[in-house]
Protein backbone atom coordinates (compact mmCIF):
# COMPACT_ATOMS: atom_id res chain seq x y z
CA MET A 1 -11.57 9.31 -28.35
CA ALA A 2 -9.35 6.42 -29.35
CA ARG A 3 -7.93 4.31 -26.61
CA VAL A 4 -4.29 3.37 -26.99
CA ARG A 5 -3.38 0.03 -25.50
CA ASN A 6 0.09 -1.37 -25.09
CA ALA A 7 0.89 -4.80 -26.42
CA LYS A 8 0.94 -7.60 -23.91
CA GLY A 9 4.15 -7.60 -21.93
CA GLU A 10 5.22 -4.09 -22.96
CA ALA A 11 7.06 -2.22 -20.21
CA VAL A 12 5.47 0.95 -18.86
CA GLN A 13 7.31 3.53 -16.80
CA LEU A 14 5.38 5.67 -14.34
CA HIS A 15 7.09 8.62 -12.63
CA VAL A 16 6.04 8.98 -8.99
CA ASP A 17 6.74 12.07 -6.87
CA ALA A 18 5.95 11.90 -3.15
CA GLN A 19 5.87 15.16 -1.24
CA VAL A 20 6.41 14.51 2.46
CA LEU A 21 4.79 17.50 4.14
CA ASP A 22 5.77 19.31 7.33
CA VAL A 23 9.18 17.74 7.98
CA ARG A 24 10.85 19.72 10.74
CA GLN A 25 14.56 20.55 10.98
CA ASP A 26 15.41 17.89 13.56
CA GLU A 27 13.46 15.13 11.76
CA GLN A 28 14.17 12.81 8.89
CA PRO A 29 11.37 11.96 6.45
CA PRO A 30 10.42 8.29 6.45
CA PRO A 31 11.83 5.94 3.80
CA LEU A 32 9.10 5.50 1.20
CA SER A 33 8.27 2.98 -1.50
CA ALA A 34 5.85 3.14 -4.41
CA TYR A 35 3.66 0.14 -5.24
CA ALA A 36 1.51 -0.44 -8.33
CA PHE A 37 -1.35 -2.94 -8.19
CA GLY A 38 -3.66 -4.07 -10.97
CA SER A 39 -7.45 -3.94 -10.68
CA SER A 40 -7.47 -7.53 -9.38
CA GLY A 41 -4.96 -6.74 -6.61
CA ARG A 42 -1.95 -8.25 -8.39
CA LEU A 43 1.36 -6.49 -7.65
CA LEU A 44 2.64 -5.00 -10.90
CA GLY A 45 5.75 -3.29 -9.56
CA ARG A 46 7.44 -1.65 -6.59
CA ALA A 47 10.30 0.81 -6.19
CA GLU A 48 12.05 2.68 -3.38
CA LEU A 49 11.67 6.47 -3.54
CA LYS A 50 14.97 8.30 -3.43
CA ASP A 51 14.70 12.04 -2.75
CA GLY A 52 10.92 11.75 -3.05
CA SER A 53 10.89 10.60 -6.66
CA THR A 54 11.25 7.37 -8.59
CA PRO A 55 10.41 5.82 -11.94
CA LEU A 56 8.21 2.77 -11.38
CA SER A 57 8.48 0.20 -14.17
CA PHE A 58 6.09 -2.67 -14.74
CA GLU A 59 4.60 -4.69 -17.55
CA GLN A 60 1.18 -3.65 -18.72
CA GLY A 61 -0.61 -6.55 -20.27
CA ALA A 62 -4.24 -7.46 -20.55
CA GLU A 63 -4.72 -6.97 -16.78
CA PRO A 64 -4.88 -3.34 -15.74
CA ASP A 65 -7.84 -1.27 -16.74
CA GLN A 66 -7.04 0.75 -13.66
CA ILE A 67 -3.83 0.89 -11.68
CA ARG A 68 -3.87 1.37 -7.93
CA LEU A 69 -0.80 3.36 -6.94
CA LEU A 70 0.16 3.38 -3.26
CA VAL A 71 3.03 5.26 -1.64
CA GLY A 72 3.87 4.22 1.88
CA PRO A 73 6.45 2.65 4.15
CA SER A 74 8.72 -0.09 2.86
CA ILE A 75 7.01 -3.37 3.72
CA GLU A 76 8.65 -6.71 2.98
CA HIS A 77 5.79 -9.13 2.35
CA THR A 78 6.12 -11.82 -0.26
CA ASN A 79 2.38 -12.46 -0.44
CA GLU A 80 0.71 -9.80 -2.60
CA GLY A 81 -2.57 -9.93 -0.66
CA GLU A 82 -0.79 -9.39 2.65
CA LEU A 83 1.23 -6.54 1.16
CA LEU A 84 -1.85 -4.74 -0.14
CA SER A 85 -3.75 -5.17 3.12
CA ALA A 86 -0.73 -3.95 5.14
CA LEU A 87 -0.44 -0.85 2.95
CA ILE A 88 -4.15 -0.09 3.31
CA ARG A 89 -3.98 -0.71 7.06
CA THR A 90 -1.11 1.79 7.43
CA GLY A 91 -3.09 4.43 5.54
CA SER A 92 -0.69 4.75 2.62
CA ALA A 93 -1.31 7.54 0.11
CA GLU A 94 -3.35 6.14 -2.75
CA ARG A 95 -4.32 7.17 -6.26
CA MET A 96 -6.27 5.27 -8.91
CA LEU A 97 -4.86 5.74 -12.42
CA ARG A 98 -6.15 4.95 -15.88
CA PRO A 99 -3.77 3.79 -18.62
CA ALA A 100 -4.01 7.25 -20.23
CA ASP A 101 -2.60 8.82 -17.01
CA LEU A 102 0.59 6.77 -17.13
CA ALA A 103 2.46 9.26 -19.34
CA ASN A 104 2.16 12.03 -16.71
CA ARG A 105 4.07 12.45 -13.45
CA VAL A 106 1.98 11.47 -10.45
CA ALA A 107 2.44 13.62 -7.34
CA LEU A 108 1.17 12.36 -4.00
CA PRO A 109 1.29 14.60 -0.91
CA ILE A 110 1.88 12.74 2.35
CA ASP A 111 0.68 14.58 5.43
CA ARG A 112 2.62 14.67 8.70
CA ALA A 113 -0.20 13.02 10.65
CA LEU A 114 -0.02 10.10 8.24
CA TRP A 115 3.72 9.48 8.10
CA LEU A 116 4.21 9.88 11.86
CA CYS A 117 1.97 6.84 12.35
CA TRP A 118 4.27 4.75 10.15
CA TRP A 119 7.07 5.01 12.73
CA ARG A 120 4.83 3.46 15.37
CA PHE A 121 3.38 0.69 13.19
CA CYS A 122 3.47 -2.78 14.66
CA THR A 123 1.43 -5.94 14.37
CA VAL A 124 0.62 -8.12 17.34
CA ARG A 125 -0.36 -11.71 16.72
CA GLY A 126 -2.33 -13.75 19.17
CA THR A 127 -5.66 -15.36 19.89
CA LEU A 128 -8.76 -13.49 20.97
CA LEU A 129 -10.62 -15.42 23.65
CA LYS A 130 -14.21 -15.06 24.75
CA ARG A 131 -15.17 -16.26 28.19
CA VAL A 132 -18.35 -18.38 28.12
CA VAL A 133 -20.06 -19.98 31.09
CA SER A 134 -21.09 -23.55 30.38
CA GLY A 135 -22.71 -25.56 33.19
CA GLY A 136 -21.55 -23.02 35.74
CA VAL A 137 -17.91 -23.36 34.66
CA PRO A 138 -16.23 -20.45 32.80
CA ILE A 139 -14.52 -21.59 29.58
CA ASP A 140 -12.27 -19.46 27.35
CA LEU A 141 -13.07 -20.14 23.69
CA PRO A 142 -11.21 -18.71 20.69
CA VAL A 143 -13.02 -16.27 18.39
CA CYS A 144 -12.44 -17.42 14.81
CA ASP A 145 -11.08 -14.91 12.21
CA ALA A 146 -11.01 -12.09 14.77
CA GLU A 147 -9.36 -8.80 13.90
CA ILE A 148 -8.90 -6.02 16.42
CA GLU A 149 -8.18 -2.37 15.63
CA VAL A 150 -6.83 -0.18 18.38
C-alpha cells in the first residue's frame, strides 16, 4: 500500500465530532476544545467545538507520523508541555490517528463521569513539607519535585 504524504507546510483539516453523553434537561454541556499534538508533543492546532463539532486545521510537515487528538475543557496554557499534561491530568478524551485517518471524521464520545469532573477541576500550588527530627529538634524540609494526587 502506497503511503501518501503531504508536502511540508501543507494545511490539513481534520473534522472532530464530540458526543457529550448523558446531558440532562437542566444541565448545560461543558464548553469543549479539540487539540492536536504531534508524536513529539508539539501542539499542531486547537479549536473550540461549537455544537459538538469543529474542523481542526494544522500544518502537517515532516513531524507527525501519529497525531494525538484530545478533546477536553478549554485550557489557556501558553506552554505546550503544560497544556498537554493538564489535558492528560483532566482525563480528556484521546485518540491516536495516523495520517491516513485524517480524511475521515473523528467521533469521540465523552462520558458524563468524565465531563462532570471538569467542572470541579482546580490546581493548588504549594510546598510539600516533610517533618524530620535532627538532633532532637523537628525540622520541616521541602520535598523536591513533589506531586500529589487527591
